[in-house]
């Protein structure tokens, strides 16, 4: 309903003390609709994003809605289906019946599209879409390939948001500097009359500007009042107090090589209340992306400089320092990487990946004994770190200390009985010692995992050949070839398995096929020469 001139827009109710359990209003093969009742006059109709799935009576946007005491109806997609029209139309009567006054449709990305597409269909006169799509139809947006794979002509038909579908007052937030979101927003503004509030440098993450429930409540009141100028003003003002705007501008600056500017902005975000975990995650991710970009452009010196700058700018962030060590290790500067890893461990002695990185530095400098001792120390500090235990086990195995390696593999299996790499390592130790029966038993346990990798299968096949089980080895080598079709070692193993099972002609055919496919593989050519052409 429209707000009459001179009258205040309805405000969200005071937060409910105990949220009422959700009620399922509608469900089909595509969507679930849940009503979470509250006493407010305003109803917030939310559409879940791409990754949110049905989970009991949970709905997207539930936490801020509950803090604001809003009567909430959540539409949740069961897969990446962009909320098909037929399903939403079928749910509409039940949705409208749960309204207690005016209603706003609200969603992000896939849900942002749905909020605009279905607002009027559900009886919402206002809609707010965050980083929405206008369409995912490849014919309508060939320049935005992010979601083409989810388009289903039979399910979606014509996706474009038509005039009037978004309600009487529709607003979207999107970054004009992100090419895909710019293109989608341009279509929505032109074809559906959606008002575009620009959120520069936020990329596909403008939703972060609305995570504060009080600010979201303010935005919803302005949506009800249809006060576009004031909405634009509060969104502009939000940039100066939002840690998430500062962090996303920092991310953009760092991607473009403005490292010092980015660090100033990240520190501003920290002062504004950005959590340590989110900040550290951004610092690590952006540094890794920047170093990867510079390495791809053959600029290792600039990459090294970026790593050193960040270790100096954030000397107390142990996780970042450890990531910097791995990046320096990838740049093959082992002495500098060693210093960085030691600094990370001085800050936090419980960082398993720092022990692993430092041991790789030491090993690369021919200091294997130190590397083993270091990892043994690390396992004492963090005994439940299975990745570190596995790394230590491989180090011990590679330095001829098989008995100690066995102890570590068995320790891992005590924590995780089906750990594939531990089973593989233990089978290797047992086979080398001559305990063939137990080695094969371990190998067979590995085959129970449907996702076992090609490397592991290859070892199992070779082990079964070694212990005289060629018939059992044959399907394993075929499995390897299905995963890695050009694997010469698997071709050789398969030919040998067939030969030893008494199937000479099939063995000859496999060897001939491999020799044709892999003319430069010496072992493949050797077995083809030995077996000769098919004799029949």
Protein backbone atom coordinates (compact mmCIF):
# COMPACT_ATOMS: atom_id res chain seq x y z
CA UNK A 1 0.00 0.00 0.00
CA UNK A 2 1.21 3.49 -0.71
CA UNK A 3 2.26 5.79 2.13
CA UNK A 4 0.04 8.85 2.26
CA UNK A 5 1.67 12.26 2.18
CA UNK A 6 2.35 13.65 5.61
CA UNK A 7 2.08 10.27 7.32
CA UNK A 8 5.03 8.44 8.78
CA UNK A 9 5.99 5.11 7.28
CA UNK A 10 5.26 2.08 9.46
CA UNK A 11 8.26 1.21 11.60
CA UNK A 12 9.57 -2.24 12.42
CA UNK A 13 8.27 -3.55 15.70
CA UNK A 14 10.45 -3.86 18.78
CA UNK A 15 12.52 -7.05 18.66
CA UNK A 16 10.70 -10.14 19.87
CA UNK A 17 12.22 -11.76 22.93
CA UNK A 18 11.60 -15.33 21.82
CA UNK A 19 11.24 -15.90 18.05
CA UNK A 20 8.29 -18.09 17.16
CA UNK A 21 9.19 -21.34 15.32
CA UNK A 22 8.76 -21.22 11.58
CA UNK A 23 5.70 -22.49 9.73
CA UNK A 24 5.99 -24.08 6.29
CA UNK A 25 3.55 -22.26 3.99
CA UNK A 26 4.42 -24.02 0.74
CA UNK A 27 6.86 -26.55 -0.69
CA UNK A 28 7.47 -28.13 -4.09
CA UNK A 29 10.44 -29.60 -5.93
CA UNK A 30 11.99 -26.16 -6.45
CA UNK A 31 11.34 -24.00 -3.38
CA UNK A 32 10.46 -24.03 0.31
CA UNK A 33 8.49 -21.14 1.84
CA UNK A 34 8.73 -20.59 5.61
CA UNK A 35 6.80 -18.07 7.70
CA UNK A 36 8.51 -16.82 10.86
CA UNK A 37 5.73 -14.86 12.59
CA UNK A 38 6.24 -11.67 14.58
CA UNK A 39 3.94 -8.86 15.66
CA UNK A 40 5.20 -6.15 13.28
CA UNK A 41 2.89 -4.59 10.72
CA UNK A 42 5.68 -4.75 8.16
CA UNK A 43 6.39 -8.12 6.53
CA UNK A 44 9.84 -8.77 5.10
CA UNK A 45 9.75 -11.31 2.24
CA UNK A 46 13.27 -12.66 1.73
CA UNK A 47 14.70 -14.66 -1.15
CA UNK A 48 17.75 -16.79 -0.40
CA UNK A 49 20.98 -16.44 -2.31
CA UNK A 50 22.76 -19.02 -4.48
CA UNK A 51 24.32 -20.99 -1.62
CA UNK A 52 21.57 -20.94 1.04
CA UNK A 53 19.60 -24.20 1.14
CA UNK A 54 16.55 -25.43 3.12
CA UNK A 55 17.62 -26.07 6.69
CA UNK A 56 14.69 -26.75 8.98
CA UNK A 57 12.71 -23.55 9.45
CA UNK A 58 15.70 -21.24 8.76
CA UNK A 59 15.34 -18.46 6.18
CA UNK A 60 17.82 -16.10 4.55
CA UNK A 61 18.04 -12.80 6.46
CA UNK A 62 16.62 -14.39 9.60
CA UNK A 63 19.07 -12.91 12.12
CA UNK A 64 18.55 -9.20 11.30
CA UNK A 65 14.81 -9.77 10.82
CA UNK A 66 14.54 -11.27 14.29
CA UNK A 67 16.57 -8.43 15.81
CA UNK A 68 14.16 -5.98 14.19
CA UNK A 69 11.11 -7.99 15.29
CA UNK A 70 9.84 -8.35 11.73
CA UNK A 71 7.14 -10.66 10.50
CA UNK A 72 9.23 -12.61 7.98
CA UNK A 73 8.47 -14.94 5.09
CA UNK A 74 11.48 -16.64 3.53
CA UNK A 75 11.56 -18.29 0.12
CA UNK A 76 14.45 -20.74 -0.10
CA UNK A 77 15.52 -22.39 -3.37
CA UNK A 78 16.41 -26.08 -3.31
CA UNK A 79 19.11 -25.57 -5.92
CA UNK A 80 20.44 -22.82 -8.20
CA UNK A 81 17.10 -22.31 -9.92
CA UNK A 82 16.43 -18.53 -9.73
CA UNK A 83 12.99 -19.12 -8.19
CA UNK A 84 10.85 -20.30 -11.13
CA UNK A 85 7.71 -18.28 -11.82
CA UNK A 86 5.37 -21.28 -11.62
CA UNK A 87 6.55 -22.19 -8.12
CA UNK A 88 6.31 -18.65 -6.80
CA UNK A 89 2.84 -18.23 -8.32
CA UNK A 90 1.70 -21.41 -6.59
CA UNK A 91 3.07 -20.14 -3.26
CA UNK A 92 1.66 -16.63 -3.64
CA UNK A 93 -1.78 -17.11 -2.00
CA UNK A 94 -0.25 -18.55 1.18
CA UNK A 95 2.40 -15.81 1.24
CA UNK A 96 -0.11 -12.98 0.87
CA UNK A 97 -2.36 -14.50 3.54
CA UNK A 98 0.48 -14.16 6.08
CA UNK A 99 0.92 -10.40 5.54
CA UNK A 100 -0.04 -8.10 8.42
CA UNK A 101 0.31 -4.84 6.53
CA UNK A 102 2.82 -3.56 3.96
CA UNK A 103 5.48 -5.94 2.63
CA UNK A 104 8.95 -5.52 1.15
CA UNK A 105 10.65 -8.12 -1.03
CA UNK A 106 14.38 -8.40 -0.26
CA UNK A 107 17.20 -10.58 -1.58
CA UNK A 108 20.83 -10.82 -2.64
CA UNK A 109 22.25 -11.96 -6.03
CA UNK A 110 19.97 -14.82 -7.16
CA UNK A 111 17.63 -13.73 -4.39
CA UNK A 112 17.96 -10.12 -5.52
CA UNK A 113 16.72 -11.09 -8.95
CA UNK A 114 13.80 -12.96 -7.38
CA UNK A 115 12.88 -10.06 -5.08
CA UNK A 116 12.55 -7.80 -8.13
CA UNK A 117 10.95 -10.42 -10.40
CA UNK A 118 8.31 -11.62 -7.93
CA UNK A 119 7.53 -8.60 -5.72
CA UNK A 120 4.23 -7.67 -7.37
CA UNK A 121 3.34 -11.35 -7.86
CA UNK A 122 3.46 -11.80 -4.08
CA UNK A 123 1.76 -8.52 -3.21
CA UNK A 124 4.88 -6.52 -2.24
CA UNK A 125 4.74 -2.92 -3.44
CA UNK A 126 8.41 -2.32 -2.59
CA UNK A 127 11.43 -4.43 -3.47
CA UNK A 128 15.13 -4.24 -2.64
CA UNK A 129 17.59 -6.28 -4.70
CA UNK A 130 21.27 -6.43 -3.76
CA UNK A 131 23.64 -7.20 -6.66
CA UNK A 132 20.73 -8.66 -8.65
CA UNK A 133 20.71 -10.22 -12.08
CA UNK A 134 18.27 -9.11 -14.75
CA UNK A 135 18.61 -12.51 -16.41
CA UNK A 136 20.95 -15.49 -16.67
CA UNK A 137 19.76 -16.42 -20.18
CA UNK A 138 22.94 -16.61 -22.34
CA UNK A 139 21.02 -15.04 -25.24
CA UNK A 140 20.09 -12.03 -23.09
CA UNK A 141 23.43 -11.51 -21.30
CA UNK A 142 26.20 -13.15 -23.35
CA UNK A 143 28.73 -10.90 -21.60
CA UNK A 144 27.93 -12.31 -18.11
CA UNK A 145 28.91 -15.97 -18.09
CA UNK A 146 28.86 -16.48 -14.29
CA UNK A 147 25.51 -18.26 -14.20
CA UNK A 148 24.86 -19.42 -17.78
CA UNK A 149 25.22 -23.06 -16.73
CA UNK A 150 22.16 -22.76 -14.49
CA UNK A 151 19.84 -21.51 -17.22
CA UNK A 152 17.08 -23.98 -18.12
CA UNK A 153 14.79 -22.80 -20.95
CA UNK A 154 12.00 -25.15 -19.88
CA UNK A 155 12.14 -23.90 -16.29
CA UNK A 156 12.92 -20.24 -16.76
CA UNK A 157 11.35 -19.17 -20.05
CA UNK A 158 11.72 -15.41 -20.42
CA UNK A 159 13.63 -14.28 -17.36
CA UNK A 160 13.80 -10.51 -17.81
CA UNK A 161 12.08 -8.45 -15.11
CA UNK A 162 9.14 -6.76 -16.82
CA UNK A 163 7.81 -3.30 -15.96
CA UNK A 164 5.61 -3.51 -12.87
CA UNK A 165 6.91 -6.88 -11.66
CA UNK A 166 9.23 -5.27 -9.13
CA UNK A 167 6.37 -3.39 -7.44
CA UNK A 168 5.67 0.32 -7.36
CA UNK A 169 9.03 1.24 -5.80
CA UNK A 170 12.07 -0.90 -6.59
CA UNK A 171 15.68 -0.25 -5.58
CA UNK A 172 18.91 -2.13 -6.20
CA UNK A 173 22.45 -1.81 -4.84
CA UNK A 174 25.28 -2.71 -7.22
CA UNK A 175 28.86 -1.77 -8.05
CA UNK A 176 29.15 0.23 -11.31
CA UNK A 177 32.82 -0.75 -11.62
CA UNK A 178 32.13 -4.48 -11.71
CA UNK A 179 31.46 -5.22 -15.35
CA UNK A 180 28.92 -8.02 -14.90
CA UNK A 181 26.88 -6.31 -12.18
CA UNK A 182 27.04 -3.03 -14.12
CA UNK A 183 25.57 -4.73 -17.18
CA UNK A 184 22.82 -6.47 -15.22
CA UNK A 185 21.89 -3.29 -13.34
CA UNK A 186 21.81 -1.28 -16.55
CA UNK A 187 19.23 -3.73 -17.95
CA UNK A 188 17.12 -3.58 -14.80
CA UNK A 189 17.15 0.21 -14.68
CA UNK A 190 16.35 0.53 -18.38
CA UNK A 191 13.76 -2.21 -18.81
CA UNK A 192 12.11 -2.52 -15.39
CA UNK A 193 12.52 0.98 -13.96
CA UNK A 194 14.52 -0.19 -10.93
CA UNK A 195 16.27 2.67 -9.11
CA UNK A 196 20.02 2.06 -8.94
CA UNK A 197 21.92 3.10 -5.82
CA UNK A 198 25.56 2.66 -6.80
CA UNK A 199 27.96 1.00 -4.36
CA UNK A 200 31.41 1.60 -5.91
CA UNK A 201 34.24 -0.86 -5.20
CA UNK A 202 31.98 -3.31 -3.35
CA UNK A 203 32.18 -5.81 -6.23
CA UNK A 204 29.48 -8.52 -5.83
CA UNK A 205 29.40 -7.95 -2.07
CA UNK A 206 27.24 -4.87 -1.46
CA UNK A 207 25.20 -7.00 0.96
CA UNK A 208 27.92 -6.32 3.54
CA UNK A 209 26.69 -2.73 3.77
CA UNK A 210 23.42 -4.01 5.25
CA UNK A 211 24.70 -6.51 7.82
CA UNK A 212 24.02 -4.11 10.69
CA UNK A 213 20.39 -4.72 11.67
CA UNK A 214 19.76 -1.14 12.83
CA UNK A 215 20.96 0.25 9.52
CA UNK A 216 18.87 -2.31 7.63
CA UNK A 217 15.87 -1.17 9.66
CA UNK A 218 16.54 2.43 8.65
CA UNK A 219 16.76 1.41 4.99
CA UNK A 220 13.48 -0.51 5.20
CA UNK A 221 11.69 2.51 6.68
CA UNK A 222 12.94 4.65 3.80
CA UNK A 223 11.82 1.97 1.35
CA UNK A 224 8.33 2.12 2.82
CA UNK A 225 8.38 5.92 2.56
CA UNK A 226 9.67 5.64 -1.04
CA UNK A 227 12.24 8.30 -0.21
CA UNK A 228 14.87 7.72 -2.88
CA UNK A 229 16.94 10.88 -2.19
CA UNK A 230 17.24 10.01 1.49
CA UNK A 231 18.08 6.38 0.65
CA UNK A 232 20.89 7.61 -1.58
CA UNK A 233 22.07 9.94 1.19
CA UNK A 234 22.17 7.29 3.91
CA UNK A 235 23.95 4.83 1.61
CA UNK A 236 26.61 7.45 0.83
CA UNK A 237 26.97 8.24 4.51
CA UNK A 238 27.23 4.54 5.28
CA UNK A 239 30.51 4.33 3.41
CA UNK A 240 32.23 6.53 5.97
CA UNK A 241 31.24 4.36 8.93
CA UNK A 242 31.09 0.88 7.38
CA UNK A 243 34.14 -1.31 7.93
CA UNK A 244 33.02 -3.41 4.98
CA UNK A 245 33.10 -0.52 2.54
CA UNK A 246 36.63 0.33 3.69
CA UNK A 247 37.76 -3.30 3.35
CA UNK A 248 36.32 -3.72 -0.14
CA UNK A 249 37.89 -0.50 -1.36
CA UNK A 250 41.14 -1.79 0.18
CA UNK A 251 40.74 -5.06 -1.73
CA UNK A 252 40.26 -3.14 -4.99
CA UNK A 253 43.26 -0.90 -4.30
CA UNK A 254 45.48 -3.88 -3.53
CA UNK A 255 44.42 -5.70 -6.70
CA UNK A 256 45.59 -2.65 -8.67
CA UNK A 257 48.94 -2.55 -6.92
CA UNK A 258 48.24 0.34 -4.51
CA UNK A 259 49.56 -1.58 -1.52
CA UNK A 260 50.14 1.26 0.92
CA UNK A 261 46.74 2.81 0.21
CA UNK A 262 45.12 -0.59 0.70
CA UNK A 263 46.83 -1.03 4.06
CA UNK A 264 45.61 2.38 5.23
CA UNK A 265 42.06 1.43 4.27
CA UNK A 266 42.29 -1.99 5.94
CA UNK A 267 43.51 -0.30 9.12
CA UNK A 268 40.57 2.08 8.92
CA UNK A 269 38.25 -0.91 8.58
CA UNK A 270 39.86 -2.42 11.67
CA UNK A 271 39.27 0.79 13.64
CA UNK A 272 35.63 0.73 12.50
CA UNK A 273 35.19 -2.72 14.00
CA UNK A 274 36.07 -5.22 11.26
CA UNK A 275 36.71 -8.58 12.89
CA UNK A 276 40.24 -9.90 13.05
CA UNK A 277 39.29 -13.08 11.17
CA UNK A 278 37.69 -11.28 8.21
CA UNK A 279 40.59 -8.82 8.02
CA UNK A 280 43.22 -11.55 8.07
CA UNK A 281 41.31 -13.52 5.45
CA UNK A 282 41.25 -10.49 3.14
CA UNK A 283 44.95 -9.79 3.69
CA UNK A 284 45.92 -13.37 2.90
CA UNK A 285 43.64 -13.75 -0.10
CA UNK A 286 44.61 -10.47 -1.73
CA UNK A 287 48.33 -11.04 -1.20
CA UNK A 288 48.10 -14.52 -2.76
CA UNK A 289 46.16 -13.14 -5.75
CA UNK A 290 48.61 -10.28 -6.22
CA UNK A 291 51.66 -12.53 -6.05
CA UNK A 292 50.04 -14.99 -8.45
CA UNK A 293 49.30 -12.18 -10.90
CA UNK A 294 52.86 -10.82 -10.73
CA UNK A 295 54.36 -14.28 -11.17
CA UNK A 296 52.16 -14.86 -14.21
CA UNK A 297 53.48 -11.58 -15.63
CA UNK A 298 57.11 -12.71 -14.97
CA UNK A 299 57.70 -10.07 -12.29
CA UNK A 300 59.09 -12.07 -9.33
CA UNK A 301 60.95 -9.10 -7.83
CA UNK A 302 57.72 -7.11 -7.50
CA UNK A 303 56.01 -10.17 -6.07
CA UNK A 304 58.76 -10.55 -3.47
CA UNK A 305 58.48 -6.84 -2.63
CA UNK A 306 54.71 -7.19 -2.06
CA UNK A 307 55.25 -10.10 0.32
CA UNK A 308 57.86 -8.25 2.36
CA UNK A 309 55.73 -5.10 2.52
CA UNK A 310 52.82 -7.02 4.00
CA UNK A 311 54.91 -8.83 6.59
CA UNK A 312 56.15 -5.44 7.78
CA UNK A 313 52.73 -3.77 7.65
CA UNK A 314 51.00 -6.53 9.69
CA UNK A 315 53.73 -7.99 11.92
CA UNK A 316 51.27 -9.40 14.50
CA UNK A 317 49.06 -11.36 12.07
CA UNK A 318 50.50 -14.85 12.41
CA UNK A 319 48.21 -16.40 9.78
CA UNK A 320 49.17 -13.74 7.24
CA UNK A 321 52.87 -14.15 8.06
CA UNK A 322 52.59 -17.91 7.52
CA UNK A 323 50.82 -17.37 4.17
CA UNK A 324 53.57 -14.90 3.23
CA UNK A 325 56.13 -17.59 4.02
CA UNK A 326 54.46 -20.02 1.61
CA UNK A 327 54.35 -17.34 -1.08
CA UNK A 328 58.05 -16.62 -0.59
CA UNK A 329 58.72 -20.35 -0.73
CA UNK A 330 56.90 -20.46 -4.09
CA UNK A 331 59.18 -17.65 -5.24
CA UNK A 332 62.14 -19.93 -4.38
CA UNK A 333 63.65 -17.50 -1.86
CA UNK A 334 64.31 -20.15 0.77
CA UNK A 335 66.38 -18.09 3.27
CA UNK A 336 63.78 -15.29 3.33
CA UNK A 337 60.92 -17.78 3.56
CA UNK A 338 62.67 -19.43 6.51
CA UNK A 339 62.83 -16.10 8.36
CA UNK A 340 59.15 -15.45 7.71
CA UNK A 341 58.03 -18.89 8.87
CA UNK A 342 60.10 -18.57 12.05
CA UNK A 343 58.44 -15.21 12.72
CA UNK A 344 54.99 -16.81 12.30
CA UNK A 345 55.84 -19.61 14.73
CA UNK A 346 57.21 -17.12 17.25
CA UNK A 347 53.78 -15.46 17.22
CA UNK A 348 51.80 -18.70 17.22
CA UNK A 349 53.52 -22.02 17.91
CA UNK A 350 50.31 -23.88 16.98
CA UNK A 351 50.32 -23.10 13.23
CA UNK A 352 50.70 -26.46 11.51
CA UNK A 353 51.09 -24.98 8.02
CA UNK A 354 54.02 -22.87 9.27
CA UNK A 355 55.84 -26.00 10.50
CA UNK A 356 55.23 -27.63 7.12
CA UNK A 357 56.45 -24.57 5.21
CA UNK A 358 59.53 -24.15 7.36
CA UNK A 359 60.40 -27.84 6.99
CA UNK A 360 60.17 -27.48 3.21
CA UNK A 361 62.58 -24.54 3.40
CA UNK A 362 65.01 -26.56 5.49
CA UNK A 363 64.72 -29.58 3.21
CA UNK A 364 65.33 -27.37 0.18
CA UNK A 365 68.55 -26.20 1.85
CA UNK A 366 69.73 -29.81 2.44
CA UNK A 367 68.89 -29.66 6.15
CA UNK A 368 66.61 -32.69 6.30
CA UNK A 369 67.52 -33.60 9.86
CA UNK A 370 66.43 -30.16 11.05
CA UNK A 371 63.24 -30.47 9.02
CA UNK A 372 62.33 -33.77 10.69
CA UNK A 373 63.14 -32.45 14.18
CA UNK A 374 61.05 -29.35 13.56
CA UNK A 375 57.99 -31.36 12.51
CA UNK A 376 58.41 -33.70 15.48
CA UNK A 377 58.36 -30.61 17.70
CA UNK A 378 55.25 -29.37 15.91
CA UNK A 379 53.42 -32.67 16.42
CA UNK A 380 54.14 -32.38 20.14
CA UNK A 381 52.57 -28.90 20.18
CA UNK A 382 49.53 -29.73 18.00
CA UNK A 383 49.06 -33.53 18.11
CA UNK A 384 45.63 -33.38 16.43
CA UNK A 385 46.95 -31.68 13.27
CA UNK A 386 46.70 -34.63 10.87
CA UNK A 387 48.14 -32.72 7.92
CA UNK A 388 51.30 -32.01 9.91
CA UNK A 389 51.51 -35.64 11.06
CA UNK A 390 51.19 -36.83 7.47
CA UNK A 391 53.93 -34.43 6.38
CA UNK A 392 56.20 -35.74 9.15
CA UNK A 393 55.42 -39.32 8.18
CA UNK A 394 56.43 -38.67 4.57
CA UNK A 395 59.62 -36.94 5.70
CA UNK A 396 60.49 -39.94 7.85
CA UNK A 397 59.70 -42.33 5.01
CA UNK A 398 61.81 -40.33 2.56
CA UNK A 399 64.78 -40.29 4.97
CA UNK A 400 64.73 -44.06 5.51
CA UNK A 401 63.08 -44.04 8.93
CA UNK A 402 60.22 -46.37 8.01
CA UNK A 403 59.45 -47.57 11.54
CA UNK A 404 58.97 -44.01 12.78
CA UNK A 405 56.91 -43.22 9.68
CA UNK A 406 54.67 -46.19 10.47
CA UNK A 407 54.06 -44.79 13.96
CA UNK A 408 52.86 -41.50 12.49
CA UNK A 409 50.66 -43.14 9.85
CA UNK A 410 49.02 -45.28 12.54
CA UNK A 411 48.54 -42.22 14.76
CA UNK A 412 46.68 -40.51 11.92
CA UNK A 413 44.49 -43.59 11.44
CA UNK A 414 43.60 -43.56 15.13
CA UNK A 415 42.08 -40.10 14.55
CA UNK A 416 40.60 -40.90 11.12
CA UNK A 417 40.34 -44.60 10.35
CA UNK A 418 39.76 -44.13 6.60
CA UNK A 419 42.34 -41.39 5.96
CA UNK A 420 43.35 -42.30 2.37
CA UNK A 421 46.90 -40.92 2.41
CA UNK A 422 47.65 -42.56 5.76
CA UNK A 423 46.36 -45.91 4.49
CA UNK A 424 48.47 -45.48 1.37
CA UNK A 425 51.59 -44.55 3.31
CA UNK A 426 51.16 -47.40 5.74
CA UNK A 427 50.68 -49.87 2.89
CA UNK A 428 53.91 -48.60 1.34
CA UNK A 429 55.80 -49.08 4.62
CA UNK A 430 54.40 -52.56 5.07
CA UNK A 431 55.15 -53.58 1.48
CA UNK A 432 58.74 -52.34 1.76
CA UNK A 433 59.16 -54.36 4.95
CA UNK A 434 57.75 -57.48 3.30
CA UNK A 435 54.46 -57.60 5.22
CA UNK A 436 52.56 -58.25 2.01
CA UNK A 437 49.30 -59.51 3.47
CA UNK A 438 48.77 -56.46 5.69
CA UNK A 439 49.92 -54.13 2.90
CA UNK A 440 47.31 -55.57 0.55
CA UNK A 441 44.64 -55.35 3.28
CA UNK A 442 45.40 -51.65 3.64
CA UNK A 443 45.25 -51.24 -0.13
CA UNK A 444 41.85 -52.90 -0.34
CA UNK A 445 40.50 -50.55 2.35
CA UNK A 446 41.53 -47.65 0.16
CA UNK A 447 39.50 -48.97 -2.74
CA UNK A 448 36.33 -48.63 -0.66
CA UNK A 449 36.55 -44.86 -1.15
CA UNK A 450 34.71 -43.98 -4.40
CA UNK A 451 36.72 -40.76 -4.66
CA UNK A 452 40.16 -42.32 -4.35
CA UNK A 453 42.62 -40.43 -6.58
CA UNK A 454 44.59 -41.70 -9.57
CA UNK A 455 47.96 -41.64 -7.79
CA UNK A 456 46.65 -43.84 -5.00
CA UNK A 457 44.98 -46.25 -7.43
CA UNK A 458 48.22 -46.52 -9.39
CA UNK A 459 50.12 -47.54 -6.27
CA UNK A 460 47.46 -50.08 -5.36
CA UNK A 461 47.55 -51.64 -8.80
CA UNK A 462 51.33 -51.90 -8.71
CA UNK A 463 51.22 -53.39 -5.22
CA UNK A 464 48.72 -56.04 -6.31
CA UNK A 465 50.94 -56.91 -9.26
CA UNK A 466 53.89 -57.16 -6.88
CA UNK A 467 52.08 -59.61 -4.58
CA UNK A 468 50.82 -61.74 -7.46
CA UNK A 469 47.22 -60.57 -7.86
CA UNK A 470 47.12 -59.41 -11.51
CA UNK A 471 43.40 -60.11 -12.00
CA UNK A 472 42.57 -57.78 -9.10
CA UNK A 473 45.06 -55.19 -10.36
CA UNK A 474 43.56 -55.02 -13.88
CA UNK A 475 40.34 -53.08 -13.06
CA UNK A 476 42.34 -50.70 -10.88
CA UNK A 477 44.63 -49.75 -13.77
CA UNK A 478 41.54 -49.26 -15.95
CA UNK A 479 40.15 -46.97 -13.26
CA UNK A 480 43.37 -44.92 -13.38
CA UNK A 481 43.13 -44.59 -17.16
CA UNK A 482 39.52 -43.44 -16.88
CA UNK A 483 40.72 -40.65 -14.57
CA UNK A 484 43.98 -39.85 -16.42
CA UNK A 485 43.70 -41.12 -20.02
CA UNK A 486 47.33 -40.40 -20.97
CA UNK A 487 48.93 -42.11 -17.97
CA UNK A 488 51.79 -44.22 -19.38
CA UNK A 489 52.48 -45.98 -16.08
CA UNK A 490 48.85 -47.13 -15.93
CA UNK A 491 49.06 -48.48 -19.50
CA UNK A 492 52.19 -50.43 -18.60
CA UNK A 493 50.52 -51.78 -15.45
CA UNK A 494 47.40 -52.80 -17.33
CA UNK A 495 49.39 -54.60 -20.03
CA UNK A 496 51.36 -56.47 -17.37
CA UNK A 497 48.22 -57.37 -15.42
CA UNK A 498 46.60 -58.79 -18.56
CA UNK A 499 49.75 -60.67 -19.53
CA UNK A 500 50.16 -62.22 -16.09
CA UNK A 501 46.49 -63.20 -16.05
CA UNK A 502 47.03 -65.20 -19.25
CA UNK A 503 45.40 -62.66 -21.60
CA UNK A 504 48.30 -62.07 -23.98
CA UNK A 505 46.41 -60.68 -26.97
CA UNK A 506 44.51 -58.05 -24.92
CA UNK A 507 47.86 -57.15 -23.29
CA UNK A 508 49.45 -56.70 -26.72
CA UNK A 509 46.54 -54.54 -27.87
CA UNK A 510 46.82 -52.30 -24.79
CA UNK A 511 50.58 -51.94 -25.28
CA UNK A 512 50.15 -51.13 -28.98
CA UNK A 513 47.46 -48.53 -28.21
CA UNK A 514 49.71 -46.94 -25.57
CA UNK A 515 52.73 -46.91 -27.90
CA UNK A 516 50.71 -45.07 -30.54
CA UNK A 517 49.34 -42.60 -28.01
CA UNK A 518 52.64 -42.01 -26.17
CA UNK A 519 55.50 -42.26 -28.66
CA UNK A 520 57.99 -40.54 -26.29
CA UNK A 521 57.30 -42.71 -23.24
CA UNK A 522 60.29 -45.08 -23.02
CA UNK A 523 58.60 -47.59 -20.68
CA UNK A 524 55.50 -47.80 -22.86
CA UNK A 525 57.62 -48.35 -25.97
CA UNK A 526 59.67 -51.00 -24.14
CA UNK A 527 56.67 -53.12 -23.15
CA UNK A 528 55.19 -52.79 -26.63
CA UNK A 529 58.48 -54.00 -28.11
CA UNK A 530 58.68 -56.91 -25.67
CA UNK A 531 55.08 -58.06 -26.15
CA UNK A 532 55.03 -57.44 -29.87
CA UNK A 533 51.95 -56.88 -32.09
CA UNK A 534 48.71 -58.73 -31.36
CA UNK A 535 49.21 -62.35 -32.34
CA UNK A 536 45.58 -62.87 -33.32
